[in-house]
Amino acid sequence: MKERIKQILLRARYAAIGAAIGAAIGGLFSRNAASTGGAIGGLVGATVAETRGTVEGAIEDVRGRTPGSSDIDRE
């Protein structure tokens, strides 16, 4: 349960940071661009957080294997 909450908060943090950056860049042009930039930045931030979590899980799986073992040897 703790790990699940940690993932949710990480995704929310990345989405908020992405939204802030997108809105700041869009705000240089117009109010509508700020709104659109914030929405797109939030999506990008959430996607980055999701991808980061997937990559970290894959790295942990690889680290857990013993040297010289492979899926082919197990068959």
PDB file of N, CA and C in Angstrom:
ATOM      1  N   MET A   1       0.815  -1.180   0.000  1.00  0.00           N
ATOM      2  CA  MET A   1       0.000   0.000   0.000  1.00  0.00           C
ATOM      3  C   MET A   1       0.868   1.257   0.000  1.00  0.00           C
ATOM      4  N   LYS A   2       1.951   1.226   0.788  1.00  0.00           N
ATOM      5  CA  LYS A   2       2.848   2.369   0.863  1.00  0.00           C
ATOM      6  C   LYS A   2       3.501   2.638  -0.495  1.00  0.00           C
ATOM      7  N   GLU A   3       3.878   1.583  -1.180  1.00  0.00           N
ATOM      8  CA  GLU A   3       4.513   1.720  -2.499  1.00  0.00           C
ATOM      9  C   GLU A   3       3.527   2.306  -3.511  1.00  0.00           C
ATOM     10  N   ARG A   4       2.286   1.910  -3.430  1.00  0.00           N
ATOM     11  CA  ARG A   4       1.256   2.428  -4.348  1.00  0.00           C
ATOM     12  C   ARG A   4       1.037   3.928  -4.133  1.00  0.00           C
ATOM     13  N   ILE A   5       0.975   4.347  -2.884  1.00  0.00           N
ATOM     14  CA  ILE A   5       0.806   5.765  -2.580  1.00  0.00           C
ATOM     15  C   ILE A   5       2.022   6.549  -3.052  1.00  0.00           C
ATOM     16  N   LYS A   6       3.203   5.973  -2.885  1.00  0.00           N
ATOM     17  CA  LYS A   6       4.432   6.625  -3.334  1.00  0.00           C
ATOM     18  C   LYS A   6       4.402   6.840  -4.854  1.00  0.00           C
ATOM     19  N   GLN A   7       3.928   5.858  -5.603  1.00  0.00           N
ATOM     20  CA  GLN A   7       3.824   5.988  -7.056  1.00  0.00           C
ATOM     21  C   GLN A   7       2.817   7.065  -7.443  1.00  0.00           C
ATOM     22  N   ILE A   8       1.706   7.117  -6.748  1.00  0.00           N
ATOM     23  CA  ILE A   8       0.677   8.122  -7.043  1.00  0.00           C
ATOM     24  C   ILE A   8       1.215   9.524  -6.794  1.00  0.00           C
ATOM     25  N   LEU A   9       1.906   9.717  -5.677  1.00  0.00           N
ATOM     26  CA  LEU A   9       2.454  11.033  -5.367  1.00  0.00           C
ATOM     27  C   LEU A   9       3.564  11.428  -6.331  1.00  0.00           C
ATOM     28  N   LEU A  10       4.373  10.475  -6.764  1.00  0.00           N
ATOM     29  CA  LEU A  10       5.419  10.760  -7.742  1.00  0.00           C
ATOM     30  C   LEU A  10       4.795  11.215  -9.059  1.00  0.00           C
ATOM     31  N   ARG A  11       3.756  10.511  -9.502  1.00  0.00           N
ATOM     32  CA  ARG A  11       3.070  10.882 -10.743  1.00  0.00           C
ATOM     33  C   ARG A  11       2.445  12.265 -10.624  1.00  0.00           C
ATOM     34  N   ALA A  12       1.841  12.564  -9.496  1.00  0.00           N
ATOM     35  CA  ALA A  12       1.223  13.875  -9.283  1.00  0.00           C
ATOM     36  C   ALA A  12       2.272  14.982  -9.255  1.00  0.00           C
ATOM     37  N   ARG A  13       3.404  14.715  -8.631  1.00  0.00           N
ATOM     38  CA  ARG A  13       4.459  15.721  -8.568  1.00  0.00           C
ATOM     39  C   ARG A  13       5.010  16.030  -9.956  1.00  0.00           C
ATOM     40  N   TYR A  14       5.274  14.989 -10.746  1.00  0.00           N
ATOM     41  CA  TYR A  14       5.788  15.202 -12.099  1.00  0.00           C
ATOM     42  C   TYR A  14       4.758  15.913 -12.965  1.00  0.00           C
ATOM     43  N   ALA A  15       3.481  15.570 -12.790  1.00  0.00           N
ATOM     44  CA  ALA A  15       2.426  16.236 -13.566  1.00  0.00           C
ATOM     45  C   ALA A  15       2.345  17.715 -13.190  1.00  0.00           C
ATOM     46  N   ALA A  16       2.461  18.033 -11.915  1.00  0.00           N
ATOM     47  CA  ALA A  16       2.396  19.426 -11.474  1.00  0.00           C
ATOM     48  C   ALA A  16       3.590  20.221 -11.991  1.00  0.00           C
ATOM     49  N   ILE A  17       4.759  19.626 -11.938  1.00  0.00           N
ATOM     50  CA  ILE A  17       5.949  20.309 -12.449  1.00  0.00           C
ATOM     51  C   ILE A  17       5.825  20.526 -13.951  1.00  0.00           C
ATOM     52  N   GLY A  18       5.368  19.510 -14.667  1.00  0.00           N
ATOM     53  CA  GLY A  18       5.178  19.644 -16.112  1.00  0.00           C
ATOM     54  C   GLY A  18       4.154  20.704 -16.458  1.00  0.00           C
ATOM     55  N   ALA A  19       3.070  20.748 -15.693  1.00  0.00           N
ATOM     56  CA  ALA A  19       2.030  21.747 -15.933  1.00  0.00           C
ATOM     57  C   ALA A  19       2.557  23.155 -15.678  1.00  0.00           C
ATOM     58  N   ALA A  20       3.337  23.317 -14.642  1.00  0.00           N
ATOM     59  CA  ALA A  20       3.891  24.636 -14.330  1.00  0.00           C
ATOM     60  C   ALA A  20       4.843  25.104 -15.429  1.00  0.00           C
ATOM     61  N   ILE A  21       5.691  24.209 -15.882  1.00  0.00           N
ATOM     62  CA  ILE A  21       6.634  24.569 -16.949  1.00  0.00           C
ATOM     63  C   ILE A  21       5.882  24.880 -18.238  1.00  0.00           C
ATOM     64  N   GLY A  22       4.917  24.039 -18.582  1.00  0.00           N
ATOM     65  CA  GLY A  22       4.131  24.270 -19.796  1.00  0.00           C
ATOM     66  C   GLY A  22       3.359  25.565 -19.742  1.00  0.00           C
ATOM     67  N   ALA A  23       2.767  25.871 -18.594  1.00  0.00           N
ATOM     68  CA  ALA A  23       2.014  27.113 -18.450  1.00  0.00           C
ATOM     69  C   ALA A  23       2.927  28.329 -18.513  1.00  0.00           C
ATOM     70  N   ALA A  24       4.110  28.217 -17.939  1.00  0.00           N
ATOM     71  CA  ALA A  24       5.057  29.332 -17.980  1.00  0.00           C
ATOM     72  C   ALA A  24       5.499  29.625 -19.412  1.00  0.00           C
ATOM     73  N   ILE A  25       5.791  28.573 -20.155  1.00  0.00           N
ATOM     74  CA  ILE A  25       6.202  28.766 -21.551  1.00  0.00           C
ATOM     75  C   ILE A  25       5.038  29.310 -22.371  1.00  0.00           C
ATOM     76  N   GLY A  26       3.862  28.729 -22.194  1.00  0.00           N
ATOM     77  CA  GLY A  26       2.688  29.215 -22.919  1.00  0.00           C
ATOM     78  C   GLY A  26       2.307  30.629 -22.534  1.00  0.00           C
ATOM     79  N   GLY A  27       2.536  30.991 -21.276  1.00  0.00           N
ATOM     80  CA  GLY A  27       2.211  32.329 -20.802  1.00  0.00           C
ATOM     81  C   GLY A  27       3.022  33.419 -21.464  1.00  0.00           C
ATOM     82  N   LEU A  28       4.136  33.053 -22.042  1.00  0.00           N
ATOM     83  CA  LEU A  28       4.934  34.036 -22.774  1.00  0.00           C
ATOM     84  C   LEU A  28       4.212  34.516 -24.026  1.00  0.00           C
ATOM     85  N   PHE A  29       3.270  33.708 -24.508  1.00  0.00           N
ATOM     86  CA  PHE A  29       2.576  34.035 -25.755  1.00  0.00           C
ATOM     87  C   PHE A  29       1.184  34.615 -25.508  1.00  0.00           C
ATOM     88  N   SER A  30       0.360  33.910 -24.743  1.00  0.00           N
ATOM     89  CA  SER A  30      -0.993  34.419 -24.465  1.00  0.00           C
ATOM     90  C   SER A  30      -1.614  33.631 -23.323  1.00  0.00           C
ATOM     91  N   ARG A  31      -2.784  34.075 -22.893  1.00  0.00           N
ATOM     92  CA  ARG A  31      -3.489  33.403 -21.816  1.00  0.00           C
ATOM     93  C   ARG A  31      -3.975  32.019 -22.272  1.00  0.00           C
ATOM     94  N   ASN A  32      -4.464  31.939 -23.496  1.00  0.00           N
ATOM     95  CA  ASN A  32      -4.928  30.647 -24.019  1.00  0.00           C
ATOM     96  C   ASN A  32      -3.769  29.668 -24.174  1.00  0.00           C
ATOM     97  N   ALA A  33      -2.641  30.176 -24.618  1.00  0.00           N
ATOM     98  CA  ALA A  33      -1.471  29.310 -24.770  1.00  0.00           C
ATOM     99  C   ALA A  33      -0.984  28.814 -23.410  1.00  0.00           C
ATOM    100  N   ALA A  34      -1.123  29.634 -22.378  1.00  0.00           N
ATOM    101  CA  ALA A  34      -0.735  29.213 -21.028  1.00  0.00           C
ATOM    102  C   ALA A  34      -1.601  28.049 -20.569  1.00  0.00           C
ATOM    103  N   SER A  35      -2.890  28.136 -20.840  1.00  0.00           N
ATOM    104  CA  SER A  35      -3.811  27.069 -20.453  1.00  0.00           C
ATOM    105  C   SER A  35      -3.481  25.777 -21.200  1.00  0.00           C
ATOM    106  N   THR A  36      -3.280  25.903 -22.498  1.00  0.00           N
ATOM    107  CA  THR A  36      -2.956  24.729 -23.309  1.00  0.00           C
ATOM    108  C   THR A  36      -1.599  24.153 -22.910  1.00  0.00           C
ATOM    109  N   GLY A  37      -0.634  25.028 -22.692  1.00  0.00           N
ATOM    110  CA  GLY A  37       0.702  24.570 -22.278  1.00  0.00           C
ATOM    111  C   GLY A  37       0.669  23.857 -20.943  1.00  0.00           C
ATOM    112  N   GLY A  38      -0.154  24.357 -20.028  1.00  0.00           N
ATOM    113  CA  GLY A  38      -0.280  23.689 -18.731  1.00  0.00           C
ATOM    114  C   GLY A  38      -0.879  22.305 -18.851  1.00  0.00           C
ATOM    115  N   ALA A  39      -1.892  22.176 -19.697  1.00  0.00           N
ATOM    116  CA  ALA A  39      -2.527  20.860 -19.891  1.00  0.00           C
ATOM    117  C   ALA A  39      -1.558  19.879 -20.543  1.00  0.00           C
ATOM    118  N   ILE A  40      -0.887  20.331 -21.579  1.00  0.00           N
ATOM    119  CA  ILE A  40       0.066  19.446 -22.274  1.00  0.00           C
ATOM    120  C   ILE A  40       1.242  19.108 -21.355  1.00  0.00           C
ATOM    121  N   GLY A  41       1.717  20.087 -20.612  1.00  0.00           N
ATOM    122  CA  GLY A  41       2.811  19.840 -19.671  1.00  0.00           C
ATOM    123  C   GLY A  41       2.425  18.843 -18.591  1.00  0.00           C
ATOM    124  N   GLY A  42       1.186  18.915 -18.116  1.00  0.00           N
ATOM    125  CA  GLY A  42       0.718  17.948 -17.126  1.00  0.00           C
ATOM    126  C   GLY A  42       0.686  16.533 -17.669  1.00  0.00           C
ATOM    127  N   LEU A  43       0.224  16.387 -18.899  1.00  0.00           N
ATOM    128  CA  LEU A  43       0.216  15.062 -19.528  1.00  0.00           C
ATOM    129  C   LEU A  43       1.634  14.526 -19.722  1.00  0.00           C
ATOM    130  N   VAL A  44       2.518  15.397 -20.175  1.00  0.00           N
ATOM    131  CA  VAL A  44       3.903  14.970 -20.378  1.00  0.00           C
ATOM    132  C   VAL A  44       4.536  14.579 -19.041  1.00  0.00           C
ATOM    133  N   GLY A  45       4.294  15.371 -18.014  1.00  0.00           N
ATOM    134  CA  GLY A  45       4.849  15.061 -16.699  1.00  0.00           C
ATOM    135  C   GLY A  45       4.352  13.728 -16.155  1.00  0.00           C
ATOM    136  N   ALA A  46       3.055  13.467 -16.301  1.00  0.00           N
ATOM    137  CA  ALA A  46       2.502  12.194 -15.831  1.00  0.00           C
ATOM    138  C   ALA A  46       3.063  11.026 -16.639  1.00  0.00           C
ATOM    139  N   THR A  47       3.249  11.226 -17.935  1.00  0.00           N
ATOM    140  CA  THR A  47       3.819  10.173 -18.778  1.00  0.00           C
ATOM    141  C   THR A  47       5.260   9.883 -18.390  1.00  0.00           C
ATOM    142  N   VAL A  48       6.026  10.921 -18.125  1.00  0.00           N
ATOM    143  CA  VAL A  48       7.422  10.738 -17.701  1.00  0.00           C
ATOM    144  C   VAL A  48       7.477   9.976 -16.385  1.00  0.00           C
ATOM    145  N   ALA A  49       6.609  10.316 -15.440  1.00  0.00           N
ATOM    146  CA  ALA A  49       6.588   9.625 -14.154  1.00  0.00           C
ATOM    147  C   ALA A  49       6.235   8.152 -14.327  1.00  0.00           C
ATOM    148  N   GLU A  50       5.273   7.871 -15.199  1.00  0.00           N
ATOM    149  CA  GLU A  50       4.873   6.479 -15.439  1.00  0.00           C
ATOM    150  C   GLU A  50       6.008   5.695 -16.096  1.00  0.00           C
ATOM    151  N   THR A  51       6.664   6.315 -17.058  1.00  0.00           N
ATOM    152  CA  THR A  51       7.779   5.665 -17.747  1.00  0.00           C
ATOM    153  C   THR A  51       8.939   5.434 -16.797  1.00  0.00           C
ATOM    154  N   ARG A  52       9.204   6.405 -15.952  1.00  0.00           N
ATOM    155  CA  ARG A  52      10.301   6.281 -14.993  1.00  0.00           C
ATOM    156  C   ARG A  52      10.058   5.111 -14.044  1.00  0.00           C
ATOM    157  N   GLY A  53       8.823   4.970 -13.577  1.00  0.00           N
ATOM    158  CA  GLY A  53       8.493   3.858 -12.685  1.00  0.00           C
ATOM    159  C   GLY A  53       8.646   2.520 -13.368  1.00  0.00           C
ATOM    160  N   THR A  54       8.277   2.441 -14.639  1.00  0.00           N
ATOM    161  CA  THR A  54       8.418   1.198 -15.397  1.00  0.00           C
ATOM    162  C   THR A  54       9.876   0.835 -15.602  1.00  0.00           C
ATOM    163  N   VAL A  55      10.688   1.830 -15.923  1.00  0.00           N
ATOM    164  CA  VAL A  55      12.112   1.595 -16.160  1.00  0.00           C
ATOM    165  C   VAL A  55      12.800   1.164 -14.874  1.00  0.00           C
ATOM    166  N   GLU A  56      12.466   1.807 -13.751  1.00  0.00           N
ATOM    167  CA  GLU A  56      13.068   1.417 -12.477  1.00  0.00           C
ATOM    168  C   GLU A  56      12.708  -0.019 -12.109  1.00  0.00           C
ATOM    169  N   GLY A  57      11.477  -0.428 -12.387  1.00  0.00           N
ATOM    170  CA  GLY A  57      11.072  -1.806 -12.118  1.00  0.00           C
ATOM    171  C   GLY A  57      11.841  -2.798 -12.973  1.00  0.00           C
ATOM    172  N   ALA A  58      12.073  -2.449 -14.229  1.00  0.00           N
ATOM    173  CA  ALA A  58      12.829  -3.326 -15.120  1.00  0.00           C
ATOM    174  C   ALA A  58      14.280  -3.436 -14.674  1.00  0.00           C
ATOM    175  N   ILE A  59      14.848  -2.321 -14.223  1.00  0.00           N
ATOM    176  CA  ILE A  59      16.239  -2.345 -13.751  1.00  0.00           C
ATOM    177  C   ILE A  59      16.362  -3.219 -12.511  1.00  0.00           C
ATOM    178  N   GLU A  60      15.389  -3.135 -11.608  1.00  0.00           N
ATOM    179  CA  GLU A  60      15.417  -3.978 -10.413  1.00  0.00           C
ATOM    180  C   GLU A  60      15.325  -5.456 -10.781  1.00  0.00           C
ATOM    181  N   ASP A  61      14.523  -5.792 -11.796  1.00  0.00           N
ATOM    182  CA  ASP A  61      14.417  -7.173 -12.238  1.00  0.00           C
ATOM    183  C   ASP A  61      15.750  -7.673 -12.781  1.00  0.00           C
ATOM    184  N   VAL A  62      16.425  -6.837 -13.538  1.00  0.00           N
ATOM    185  CA  VAL A  62      17.720  -7.229 -14.114  1.00  0.00           C
ATOM    186  C   VAL A  62      18.759  -7.385 -13.005  1.00  0.00           C
ATOM    187  N   ARG A  63      18.753  -6.490 -12.034  1.00  0.00           N
ATOM    188  CA  ARG A  63      19.705  -6.587 -10.929  1.00  0.00           C
ATOM    189  C   ARG A  63      19.467  -7.827 -10.082  1.00  0.00           C
ATOM    190  N   GLY A  64      18.237  -8.307 -10.032  1.00  0.00           N
ATOM    191  CA  GLY A  64      17.906  -9.469  -9.224  1.00  0.00           C
ATOM    192  C   GLY A  64      18.394 -10.781  -9.810  1.00  0.00           C
ATOM    193  N   ARG A  65      18.719 -10.784 -11.086  1.00  0.00           N
ATOM    194  CA  ARG A  65      19.198 -12.007 -11.726  1.00  0.00           C
ATOM    195  C   ARG A  65      20.642 -12.270 -11.342  1.00  0.00           C
ATOM    196  N   THR A  66      20.993 -13.533 -11.300  1.00  0.00           N
ATOM    197  CA  THR A  66      22.370 -13.896 -11.006  1.00  0.00           C
ATOM    198  C   THR A  66      23.194 -13.819 -12.289  1.00  0.00           C
ATOM    199  N   PRO A  67      24.482 -13.498 -12.166  1.00  0.00           N
ATOM    200  CA  PRO A  67      25.325 -13.412 -13.360  1.00  0.00           C
ATOM    201  C   PRO A  67      25.378 -14.748 -14.097  1.00  0.00           C
ATOM    202  N   GLY A  68      25.246 -14.693 -15.393  1.00  0.00           N
ATOM    203  CA  GLY A  68      25.323 -15.894 -16.210  1.00  0.00           C
ATOM    204  C   GLY A  68      23.994 -16.603 -16.399  1.00  0.00           C
ATOM    205  N   SER A  69      22.973 -16.227 -15.673  1.00  0.00           N
ATOM    206  CA  SER A  69      21.678 -16.880 -15.853  1.00  0.00           C
ATOM    207  C   SER A  69      20.881 -16.149 -16.914  1.00  0.00           C
ATOM    208  N   SER A  70      20.071 -16.898 -17.616  1.00  0.00           N
ATOM    209  CA  SER A  70      19.194 -16.292 -18.606  1.00  0.00           C
ATOM    210  C   SER A  70      17.916 -17.096 -18.663  1.00  0.00           C
ATOM    211  N   ASP A  71      16.938 -16.583 -19.363  1.00  0.00           N
ATOM    212  CA  ASP A  71      15.678 -17.278 -19.486  1.00  0.00           C
ATOM    213  C   ASP A  71      15.829 -18.563 -20.294  1.00  0.00           C
ATOM    214  N   ILE A  72      16.777 -18.614 -21.185  1.00  0.00           N
ATOM    215  CA  ILE A  72      16.983 -19.803 -22.024  1.00  0.00           C
ATOM    216  C   ILE A  72      17.497 -20.958 -21.158  1.00  0.00           C
ATOM    217  N   ASP A  73      18.363 -20.666 -20.188  1.00  0.00           N
ATOM    218  CA  ASP A  73      18.928 -21.721 -19.330  1.00  0.00           C
ATOM    219  C   ASP A  73      17.867 -22.375 -18.450  1.00  0.00           C
ATOM    220  N   ARG A  74      16.791 -21.680 -18.184  1.00  0.00           N
ATOM    221  CA  ARG A  74      15.781 -22.195 -17.266  1.00  0.00           C
ATOM    222  C   ARG A  74      14.863 -23.220 -17.934  1.00  0.00           C
ATOM    223  N   GLU A  75      14.842 -23.265 -19.248  1.00  0.00           N
ATOM    224  CA  GLU A  75      13.940 -24.202 -19.933  1.00  0.00           C
ATOM    225  C   GLU A  75      14.455 -25.594 -19.972  1.00  0.00           C
TER     226      GLU A  75
END
